[in-house]
Amino acid sequence: MPKRDHQLRCFCSTEPLLATYGVDDEGRLYVHVKIYKQRRIFGEVIVTEGIVRLICRECFRWHKVNIKQHGEAVLSEEPVPSELLAGT
């Protein structure tokens, strides 16, 4: 199956790229996140199941990506994750 790469962008006015998603060679939906610093890759994450939470670097909104197989990744805004609030 050919890969389909789609972009997940924030809803804010600058629309920064948060991640890409597509279908791998086995037909599974994935979300791919790369972390750059001065044109070097500092981190890379590929998620194939579950929920991914991302923050926009421009407006600091949190977004939730629900990965459902045989469908599309759905981006929705959400409050700050409770896992981050537990330590305060």
PDB file of N, CA and C in Angstrom:
ATOM      1  N   MET A   1       0.846  -1.177   0.000  1.00  0.00           N
ATOM      2  CA  MET A   1       0.000   0.000   0.000  1.00  0.00           C
ATOM      3  C   MET A   1       0.891   1.239   0.000  1.00  0.00           C
ATOM      4  N   PRO A   2       0.639   2.223  -0.862  1.00  0.00           N
ATOM      5  CA  PRO A   2       1.485   3.419  -0.903  1.00  0.00           C
ATOM      6  C   PRO A   2       1.255   4.296   0.321  1.00  0.00           C
ATOM      7  N   LYS A   3       2.324   4.983   0.726  1.00  0.00           N
ATOM      8  CA  LYS A   3       2.200   5.872   1.875  1.00  0.00           C
ATOM      9  C   LYS A   3       1.454   7.139   1.475  1.00  0.00           C
ATOM     10  N   ARG A   4       0.653   7.628   2.387  1.00  0.00           N
ATOM     11  CA  ARG A   4      -0.018   8.915   2.202  1.00  0.00           C
ATOM     12  C   ARG A   4       0.418   9.800   3.346  1.00  0.00           C
ATOM     13  N   ASP A   5       1.161  10.836   3.071  1.00  0.00           N
ATOM     14  CA  ASP A   5       1.583  11.743   4.127  1.00  0.00           C
ATOM     15  C   ASP A   5       0.693  12.976   4.129  1.00  0.00           C
ATOM     16  N   HIS A   6       0.080  13.217   5.272  1.00  0.00           N
ATOM     17  CA  HIS A   6      -0.783  14.372   5.465  1.00  0.00           C
ATOM     18  C   HIS A   6      -0.211  15.184   6.612  1.00  0.00           C
ATOM     19  N   GLN A   7      -0.539  16.468   6.647  1.00  0.00           N
ATOM     20  CA  GLN A   7      -0.012  17.337   7.683  1.00  0.00           C
ATOM     21  C   GLN A   7      -1.068  17.632   8.736  1.00  0.00           C
ATOM     22  N   LEU A   8      -0.625  17.652   9.996  1.00  0.00           N
ATOM     23  CA  LEU A   8      -1.457  18.103  11.110  1.00  0.00           C
ATOM     24  C   LEU A   8      -0.947  19.481  11.496  1.00  0.00           C
ATOM     25  N   ARG A   9      -1.785  20.489  11.357  1.00  0.00           N
ATOM     26  CA  ARG A   9      -1.398  21.867  11.658  1.00  0.00           C
ATOM     27  C   ARG A   9      -2.316  22.443  12.720  1.00  0.00           C
ATOM     28  N   CYS A  10      -1.783  23.399  13.473  1.00  0.00           N
ATOM     29  CA  CYS A  10      -2.578  24.073  14.500  1.00  0.00           C
ATOM     30  C   CYS A  10      -3.625  24.961  13.827  1.00  0.00           C
ATOM     31  N   PHE A  11      -4.650  25.334  14.598  1.00  0.00           N
ATOM     32  CA  PHE A  11      -5.727  26.179  14.105  1.00  0.00           C
ATOM     33  C   PHE A  11      -5.368  27.664  14.147  1.00  0.00           C
ATOM     34  N   CYS A  12      -4.242  28.039  14.807  1.00  0.00           N
ATOM     35  CA  CYS A  12      -3.914  29.456  14.984  1.00  0.00           C
ATOM     36  C   CYS A  12      -3.512  30.114  13.667  1.00  0.00           C
ATOM     37  N   SER A  13      -3.298  31.422  13.681  1.00  0.00           N
ATOM     38  CA  SER A  13      -3.074  32.179  12.453  1.00  0.00           C
ATOM     39  C   SER A  13      -1.792  31.788  11.714  1.00  0.00           C
ATOM     40  N   THR A  14      -0.757  31.331  12.420  1.00  0.00           N
ATOM     41  CA  THR A  14       0.489  30.961  11.743  1.00  0.00           C
ATOM     42  C   THR A  14       0.475  29.528  11.221  1.00  0.00           C
ATOM     43  N   GLU A  15      -0.466  28.718  11.661  1.00  0.00           N
ATOM     44  CA  GLU A  15      -0.654  27.334  11.227  1.00  0.00           C
ATOM     45  C   GLU A  15       0.636  26.519  11.190  1.00  0.00           C
ATOM     46  N   PRO A  16       1.371  26.445  12.321  1.00  0.00           N
ATOM     47  CA  PRO A  16       2.615  25.663  12.311  1.00  0.00           C
ATOM     48  C   PRO A  16       2.343  24.163  12.168  1.00  0.00           C
ATOM     49  N   LEU A  17       3.288  23.475  11.572  1.00  0.00           N
ATOM     50  CA  LEU A  17       3.196  22.027  11.404  1.00  0.00           C
ATOM     51  C   LEU A  17       3.450  21.348  12.747  1.00  0.00           C
ATOM     52  N   LEU A  18       2.505  20.527  13.203  1.00  0.00           N
ATOM     53  CA  LEU A  18       2.653  19.804  14.462  1.00  0.00           C
ATOM     54  C   LEU A  18       3.177  18.394  14.230  1.00  0.00           C
ATOM     55  N   ALA A  19       2.717  17.753  13.169  1.00  0.00           N
ATOM     56  CA  ALA A  19       3.099  16.370  12.873  1.00  0.00           C
ATOM     57  C   ALA A  19       2.613  16.032  11.467  1.00  0.00           C
ATOM     58  N   THR A  20       3.012  14.878  10.989  1.00  0.00           N
ATOM     59  CA  THR A  20       2.468  14.347   9.749  1.00  0.00           C
ATOM     60  C   THR A  20       1.844  12.997  10.063  1.00  0.00           C
ATOM     61  N   TYR A  21       0.964  12.534   9.196  1.00  0.00           N
ATOM     62  CA  TYR A  21       0.398  11.202   9.387  1.00  0.00           C
ATOM     63  C   TYR A  21       0.166  10.557   8.039  1.00  0.00           C
ATOM     64  N   GLY A  22       0.039   9.251   8.057  1.00  0.00           N
ATOM     65  CA  GLY A  22      -0.172   8.499   6.837  1.00  0.00           C
ATOM     66  C   GLY A  22      -0.414   7.041   7.147  1.00  0.00           C
ATOM     67  N   VAL A  23      -0.266   6.207   6.128  1.00  0.00           N
ATOM     68  CA  VAL A  23      -0.477   4.774   6.264  1.00  0.00           C
ATOM     69  C   VAL A  23       0.839   4.075   5.949  1.00  0.00           C
ATOM     70  N   ASP A  24       1.279   3.179   6.846  1.00  0.00           N
ATOM     71  CA  ASP A  24       2.554   2.488   6.628  1.00  0.00           C
ATOM     72  C   ASP A  24       2.386   1.316   5.666  1.00  0.00           C
ATOM     73  N   ASP A  25       3.478   0.589   5.439  1.00  0.00           N
ATOM     74  CA  ASP A  25       3.465  -0.531   4.489  1.00  0.00           C
ATOM     75  C   ASP A  25       2.530  -1.664   4.908  1.00  0.00           C
ATOM     76  N   GLU A  26       2.221  -1.743   6.215  1.00  0.00           N
ATOM     77  CA  GLU A  26       1.317  -2.777   6.719  1.00  0.00           C
ATOM     78  C   GLU A  26      -0.141  -2.310   6.750  1.00  0.00           C
ATOM     79  N   GLY A  27      -0.393  -1.093   6.291  1.00  0.00           N
ATOM     80  CA  GLY A  27      -1.751  -0.577   6.259  1.00  0.00           C
ATOM     81  C   GLY A  27      -2.215   0.052   7.553  1.00  0.00           C
ATOM     82  N   ARG A  28      -1.288   0.305   8.482  1.00  0.00           N
ATOM     83  CA  ARG A  28      -1.647   0.919   9.768  1.00  0.00           C
ATOM     84  C   ARG A  28      -1.462   2.431   9.705  1.00  0.00           C
ATOM     85  N   LEU A  29      -2.388   3.145  10.309  1.00  0.00           N
ATOM     86  CA  LEU A  29      -2.298   4.592  10.408  1.00  0.00           C
ATOM     87  C   LEU A  29      -1.216   4.951  11.420  1.00  0.00           C
ATOM     88  N   TYR A  30      -0.408   5.979  11.122  1.00  0.00           N
ATOM     89  CA  TYR A  30       0.639   6.417  12.046  1.00  0.00           C
ATOM     90  C   TYR A  30       0.673   7.940  12.105  1.00  0.00           C
ATOM     91  N   VAL A  31       1.201   8.464  13.209  1.00  0.00           N
ATOM     92  CA  VAL A  31       1.482   9.887  13.372  1.00  0.00           C
ATOM     93  C   VAL A  31       2.983   9.999  13.602  1.00  0.00           C
ATOM     94  N   HIS A  32       3.629  10.914  12.872  1.00  0.00           N
ATOM     95  CA  HIS A  32       5.082  11.061  12.909  1.00  0.00           C
ATOM     96  C   HIS A  32       5.427  12.477  13.362  1.00  0.00           C
ATOM     97  N   VAL A  33       6.208  12.595  14.447  1.00  0.00           N
ATOM     98  CA  VAL A  33       6.626  13.882  14.997  1.00  0.00           C
ATOM     99  C   VAL A  33       8.146  13.955  14.964  1.00  0.00           C
ATOM    100  N   LYS A  34       8.690  15.054  14.449  1.00  0.00           N
ATOM    101  CA  LYS A  34      10.134  15.298  14.473  1.00  0.00           C
ATOM    102  C   LYS A  34      10.399  16.567  15.262  1.00  0.00           C
ATOM    103  N   ILE A  35      11.434  16.534  16.112  1.00  0.00           N
ATOM    104  CA  ILE A  35      11.813  17.687  16.916  1.00  0.00           C
ATOM    105  C   ILE A  35      13.159  18.180  16.414  1.00  0.00           C
ATOM    106  N   TYR A  36      13.164  19.430  15.962  1.00  0.00           N
ATOM    107  CA  TYR A  36      14.384  20.026  15.413  1.00  0.00           C
ATOM    108  C   TYR A  36      14.921  21.115  16.330  1.00  0.00           C
ATOM    109  N   LYS A  37      16.242  21.284  16.314  1.00  0.00           N
ATOM    110  CA  LYS A  37      16.887  22.423  16.951  1.00  0.00           C
ATOM    111  C   LYS A  37      18.074  22.789  16.074  1.00  0.00           C
ATOM    112  N   GLN A  38      18.031  23.985  15.523  1.00  0.00           N
ATOM    113  CA  GLN A  38      19.084  24.473  14.628  1.00  0.00           C
ATOM    114  C   GLN A  38      19.368  23.479  13.498  1.00  0.00           C
ATOM    115  N   ARG A  39      18.320  23.040  12.855  1.00  0.00           N
ATOM    116  CA  ARG A  39      18.368  22.128  11.698  1.00  0.00           C
ATOM    117  C   ARG A  39      18.884  20.732  12.007  1.00  0.00           C
ATOM    118  N   ARG A  40      19.046  20.391  13.266  1.00  0.00           N
ATOM    119  CA  ARG A  40      19.424  19.025  13.654  1.00  0.00           C
ATOM    120  C   ARG A  40      18.203  18.345  14.249  1.00  0.00           C
ATOM    121  N   ILE A  41      18.059  17.064  13.974  1.00  0.00           N
ATOM    122  CA  ILE A  41      16.951  16.315  14.563  1.00  0.00           C
ATOM    123  C   ILE A  41      17.345  15.910  15.977  1.00  0.00           C
ATOM    124  N   PHE A  42      16.564  16.378  16.965  1.00  0.00           N
ATOM    125  CA  PHE A  42      16.815  16.059  18.367  1.00  0.00           C
ATOM    126  C   PHE A  42      15.905  14.959  18.867  1.00  0.00           C
ATOM    127  N   GLY A  43      14.829  14.713  18.185  1.00  0.00           N
ATOM    128  CA  GLY A  43      13.909  13.660  18.589  1.00  0.00           C
ATOM    129  C   GLY A  43      12.984  13.308  17.453  1.00  0.00           C
ATOM    130  N   GLU A  44      12.525  12.064  17.494  1.00  0.00           N
ATOM    131  CA  GLU A  44      11.606  11.592  16.466  1.00  0.00           C
ATOM    132  C   GLU A  44      10.692  10.555  17.107  1.00  0.00           C
ATOM    133  N   VAL A  45       9.390  10.702  16.877  1.00  0.00           N
ATOM    134  CA  VAL A  45       8.399   9.814  17.487  1.00  0.00           C
ATOM    135  C   VAL A  45       7.445   9.342  16.399  1.00  0.00           C
ATOM    136  N   ILE A  46       7.173   8.048  16.384  1.00  0.00           N
ATOM    137  CA  ILE A  46       6.164   7.483  15.488  1.00  0.00           C
ATOM    138  C   ILE A  46       5.169   6.722  16.356  1.00  0.00           C
ATOM    139  N   VAL A  47       3.906   7.110  16.273  1.00  0.00           N
ATOM    140  CA  VAL A  47       2.850   6.504  17.082  1.00  0.00           C
ATOM    141  C   VAL A  47       1.878   5.812  16.141  1.00  0.00           C
ATOM    142  N   THR A  48       1.523   4.547  16.460  1.00  0.00           N
ATOM    143  CA  THR A  48       0.621   3.793  15.593  1.00  0.00           C
ATOM    144  C   THR A  48      -0.716   3.451  16.238  1.00  0.00           C
ATOM    145  N   GLU A  49      -0.851   3.672  17.537  1.00  0.00           N
ATOM    146  CA  GLU A  49      -2.119   3.374  18.219  1.00  0.00           C
ATOM    147  C   GLU A  49      -2.345   4.371  19.338  1.00  0.00           C
ATOM    148  N   GLY A  50      -3.612   4.628  19.642  1.00  0.00           N
ATOM    149  CA  GLY A  50      -3.957   5.401  20.828  1.00  0.00           C
ATOM    150  C   GLY A  50      -4.154   6.878  20.575  1.00  0.00           C
ATOM    151  N   ILE A  51      -3.789   7.660  21.588  1.00  0.00           N
ATOM    152  CA  ILE A  51      -4.004   9.106  21.585  1.00  0.00           C
ATOM    153  C   ILE A  51      -2.661   9.807  21.706  1.00  0.00           C
ATOM    154  N   VAL A  52      -2.478  10.839  20.889  1.00  0.00           N
ATOM    155  CA  VAL A  52      -1.268  11.658  20.933  1.00  0.00           C
ATOM    156  C   VAL A  52      -1.686  13.058  21.336  1.00  0.00           C
ATOM    157  N   ARG A  53      -0.968  13.663  22.277  1.00  0.00           N
ATOM    158  CA  ARG A  53      -1.249  15.040  22.684  1.00  0.00           C
ATOM    159  C   ARG A  53      -0.058  15.907  22.274  1.00  0.00           C
ATOM    160  N   LEU A  54      -0.347  16.991  21.557  1.00  0.00           N
ATOM    161  CA  LEU A  54       0.682  17.885  21.029  1.00  0.00           C
ATOM    162  C   LEU A  54       0.376  19.311  21.447  1.00  0.00           C
ATOM    163  N   ILE A  55       1.426  20.126  21.612  1.00  0.00           N
ATOM    164  CA  ILE A  55       1.241  21.533  21.932  1.00  0.00           C
ATOM    165  C   ILE A  55       1.787  22.368  20.779  1.00  0.00           C
ATOM    166  N   CYS A  56       1.075  23.447  20.455  1.00  0.00           N
ATOM    167  CA  CYS A  56       1.506  24.360  19.405  1.00  0.00           C
ATOM    168  C   CYS A  56       2.604  25.258  19.966  1.00  0.00           C
ATOM    169  N   ARG A  57       3.686  25.404  19.228  1.00  0.00           N
ATOM    170  CA  ARG A  57       4.807  26.227  19.698  1.00  0.00           C
ATOM    171  C   ARG A  57       4.510  27.713  19.585  1.00  0.00           C
ATOM    172  N   GLU A  58       3.470  28.092  18.842  1.00  0.00           N
ATOM    173  CA  GLU A  58       3.139  29.502  18.643  1.00  0.00           C
ATOM    174  C   GLU A  58       2.088  30.007  19.634  1.00  0.00           C
ATOM    175  N   CYS A  59       0.969  29.285  19.750  1.00  0.00           N
ATOM    176  CA  CYS A  59      -0.145  29.762  20.584  1.00  0.00           C
ATOM    177  C   CYS A  59      -0.296  28.961  21.882  1.00  0.00           C
ATOM    178  N   PHE A  60       0.486  27.892  22.040  1.00  0.00           N
ATOM    179  CA  PHE A  60       0.489  27.043  23.238  1.00  0.00           C
ATOM    180  C   PHE A  60      -0.836  26.323  23.486  1.00  0.00           C
ATOM    181  N   ARG A  61      -1.637  26.148  22.446  1.00  0.00           N
ATOM    182  CA  ARG A  61      -2.849  25.333  22.568  1.00  0.00           C
ATOM    183  C   ARG A  61      -2.460  23.864  22.548  1.00  0.00           C
ATOM    184  N   TRP A  62      -3.169  23.077  23.337  1.00  0.00           N
ATOM    185  CA  TRP A  62      -2.979  21.630  23.318  1.00  0.00           C
ATOM    186  C   TRP A  62      -3.945  21.024  22.313  1.00  0.00           C
ATOM    187  N   HIS A  63      -3.473  20.018  21.604  1.00  0.00           N
ATOM    188  CA  HIS A  63      -4.291  19.301  20.634  1.00  0.00           C
ATOM    189  C   HIS A  63      -4.221  17.808  20.923  1.00  0.00           C
ATOM    190  N   LYS A  64      -5.320  17.136  20.672  1.00  0.00           N
ATOM    191  CA  LYS A  64      -5.389  15.693  20.865  1.00  0.00           C
ATOM    192  C   LYS A  64      -5.616  15.042  19.512  1.00  0.00           C
ATOM    193  N   VAL A  65      -4.791  14.035  19.201  1.00  0.00           N
ATOM    194  CA  VAL A  65      -4.938  13.273  17.964  1.00  0.00           C
ATOM    195  C   VAL A  65      -5.349  11.864  18.354  1.00  0.00           C
ATOM    196  N   ASN A  66      -6.516  11.457  17.923  1.00  0.00           N
ATOM    197  CA  ASN A  66      -7.029  10.121  18.208  1.00  0.00           C
ATOM    198  C   ASN A  66      -6.769   9.264  16.979  1.00  0.00           C
ATOM    199  N   ILE A  67      -5.901   8.265  17.113  1.00  0.00           N
ATOM    200  CA  ILE A  67      -5.555   7.410  15.982  1.00  0.00           C
ATOM    201  C   ILE A  67      -6.531   6.245  15.936  1.00  0.00           C
ATOM    202  N   LYS A  68      -7.345   6.230  14.909  1.00  0.00           N
ATOM    203  CA  LYS A  68      -8.297   5.140  14.703  1.00  0.00           C
ATOM    204  C   LYS A  68      -7.892   4.449  13.415  1.00  0.00           C
ATOM    205  N   GLN A  69      -7.650   3.157  13.495  1.00  0.00           N
ATOM    206  CA  GLN A  69      -7.219   2.411  12.320  1.00  0.00           C
ATOM    207  C   GLN A  69      -8.311   2.421  11.253  1.00  0.00           C
ATOM    208  N   HIS A  70      -7.887   2.379  10.012  1.00  0.00           N
ATOM    209  CA  HIS A  70      -8.765   2.406   8.836  1.00  0.00           C
ATOM    210  C   HIS A  70      -9.587   3.686   8.796  1.00  0.00           C
ATOM    211  N   GLY A  71      -8.979   4.774   9.223  1.00  0.00           N
ATOM    212  CA  GLY A  71      -9.638   6.071   9.176  1.00  0.00           C
ATOM    213  C   GLY A  71      -8.595   7.156   9.086  1.00  0.00           C
ATOM    214  N   GLU A  72      -8.973   8.346   9.440  1.00  0.00           N
ATOM    215  CA  GLU A  72      -8.049   9.451   9.415  1.00  0.00           C
ATOM    216  C   GLU A  72      -7.764   9.904  10.832  1.00  0.00           C
ATOM    217  N   ALA A  73      -6.599  10.500  11.015  1.00  0.00           N
ATOM    218  CA  ALA A  73      -6.257  11.064  12.317  1.00  0.00           C
ATOM    219  C   ALA A  73      -7.108  12.319  12.510  1.00  0.00           C
ATOM    220  N   VAL A  74      -7.693  12.469  13.676  1.00  0.00           N
ATOM    221  CA  VAL A  74      -8.576  13.586  13.961  1.00  0.00           C
ATOM    222  C   VAL A  74      -7.894  14.501  14.962  1.00  0.00           C
ATOM    223  N   LEU A  75      -7.722  15.787  14.603  1.00  0.00           N
ATOM    224  CA  LEU A  75      -7.086  16.771  15.470  1.00  0.00           C
ATOM    225  C   LEU A  75      -8.162  17.606  16.130  1.00  0.00           C
ATOM    226  N   SER A  76      -8.112  17.704  17.464  1.00  0.00           N
ATOM    227  CA  SER A  76      -9.070  18.527  18.188  1.00  0.00           C
ATOM    228  C   SER A  76      -8.355  19.234  19.331  1.00  0.00           C
ATOM    229  N   GLU A  77      -8.833  20.441  19.656  1.00  0.00           N
ATOM    230  CA  GLU A  77      -8.238  21.209  20.744  1.00  0.00           C
ATOM    231  C   GLU A  77      -8.727  20.654  22.077  1.00  0.00           C
ATOM    232  N   GLU A  78      -7.844  20.691  23.085  1.00  0.00           N
ATOM    233  CA  GLU A  78      -8.225  20.211  24.409  1.00  0.00           C
ATOM    234  C   GLU A  78      -7.507  21.018  25.467  1.00  0.00           C
ATOM    235  N   PRO A  79      -7.965  20.980  26.735  1.00  0.00           N
ATOM    236  CA  PRO A  79      -7.269  21.685  27.803  1.00  0.00           C
ATOM    237  C   PRO A  79      -5.925  21.017  28.106  1.00  0.00           C
ATOM    238  N   VAL A  80      -5.133  21.666  28.951  1.00  0.00           N
ATOM    239  CA  VAL A  80      -3.839  21.110  29.339  1.00  0.00           C
ATOM    240  C   VAL A  80      -4.051  19.719  29.919  1.00  0.00           C
ATOM    241  N   PRO A  81      -3.275  18.707  29.462  1.00  0.00           N
ATOM    242  CA  PRO A  81      -3.450  17.337  29.962  1.00  0.00           C
ATOM    243  C   PRO A  81      -3.265  17.244  31.476  1.00  0.00           C
ATOM    244  N   SER A  82      -4.085  16.442  32.101  1.00  0.00           N
ATOM    245  CA  SER A  82      -4.047  16.284  33.556  1.00  0.00           C
ATOM    246  C   SER A  82      -2.721  15.725  34.041  1.00  0.00           C
ATOM    247  N   GLU A  83      -2.011  14.972  33.191  1.00  0.00           N
ATOM    248  CA  GLU A  83      -0.715  14.422  33.574  1.00  0.00           C
ATOM    249  C   GLU A  83       0.286  15.543  33.877  1.00  0.00           C
ATOM    250  N   LEU A  84       0.157  16.675  33.203  1.00  0.00           N
ATOM    251  CA  LEU A  84       1.058  17.799  33.451  1.00  0.00           C
ATOM    252  C   LEU A  84       0.661  18.584  34.678  1.00  0.00           C
ATOM    253  N   LEU A  85      -0.612  18.571  35.015  1.00  0.00           N
ATOM    254  CA  LEU A  85      -1.108  19.322  36.178  1.00  0.00           C
ATOM    255  C   LEU A  85      -0.862  18.566  37.484  1.00  0.00           C
ATOM    256  N   ALA A  86      -0.640  17.266  37.421  1.00  0.00           N
ATOM    257  CA  ALA A  86      -0.492  16.443  38.629  1.00  0.00           C
ATOM    258  C   ALA A  86       0.716  16.849  39.461  1.00  0.00           C
ATOM    259  N   GLY A  87       1.788  17.334  38.820  1.00  0.00           N
ATOM    260  CA  GLY A  87       3.008  17.695  39.535  1.00  0.00           C
ATOM    261  C   GLY A  87       2.984  19.080  40.148  1.00  0.00           C
ATOM    262  N   THR A  88       1.949  19.890  39.868  1.00  0.00           N
ATOM    263  CA  THR A  88       1.930  21.276  40.384  1.00  0.00           C
ATOM    264  C   THR A  88       1.203  21.377  41.690  1.00  0.00           C
TER     265      THR A  88
END
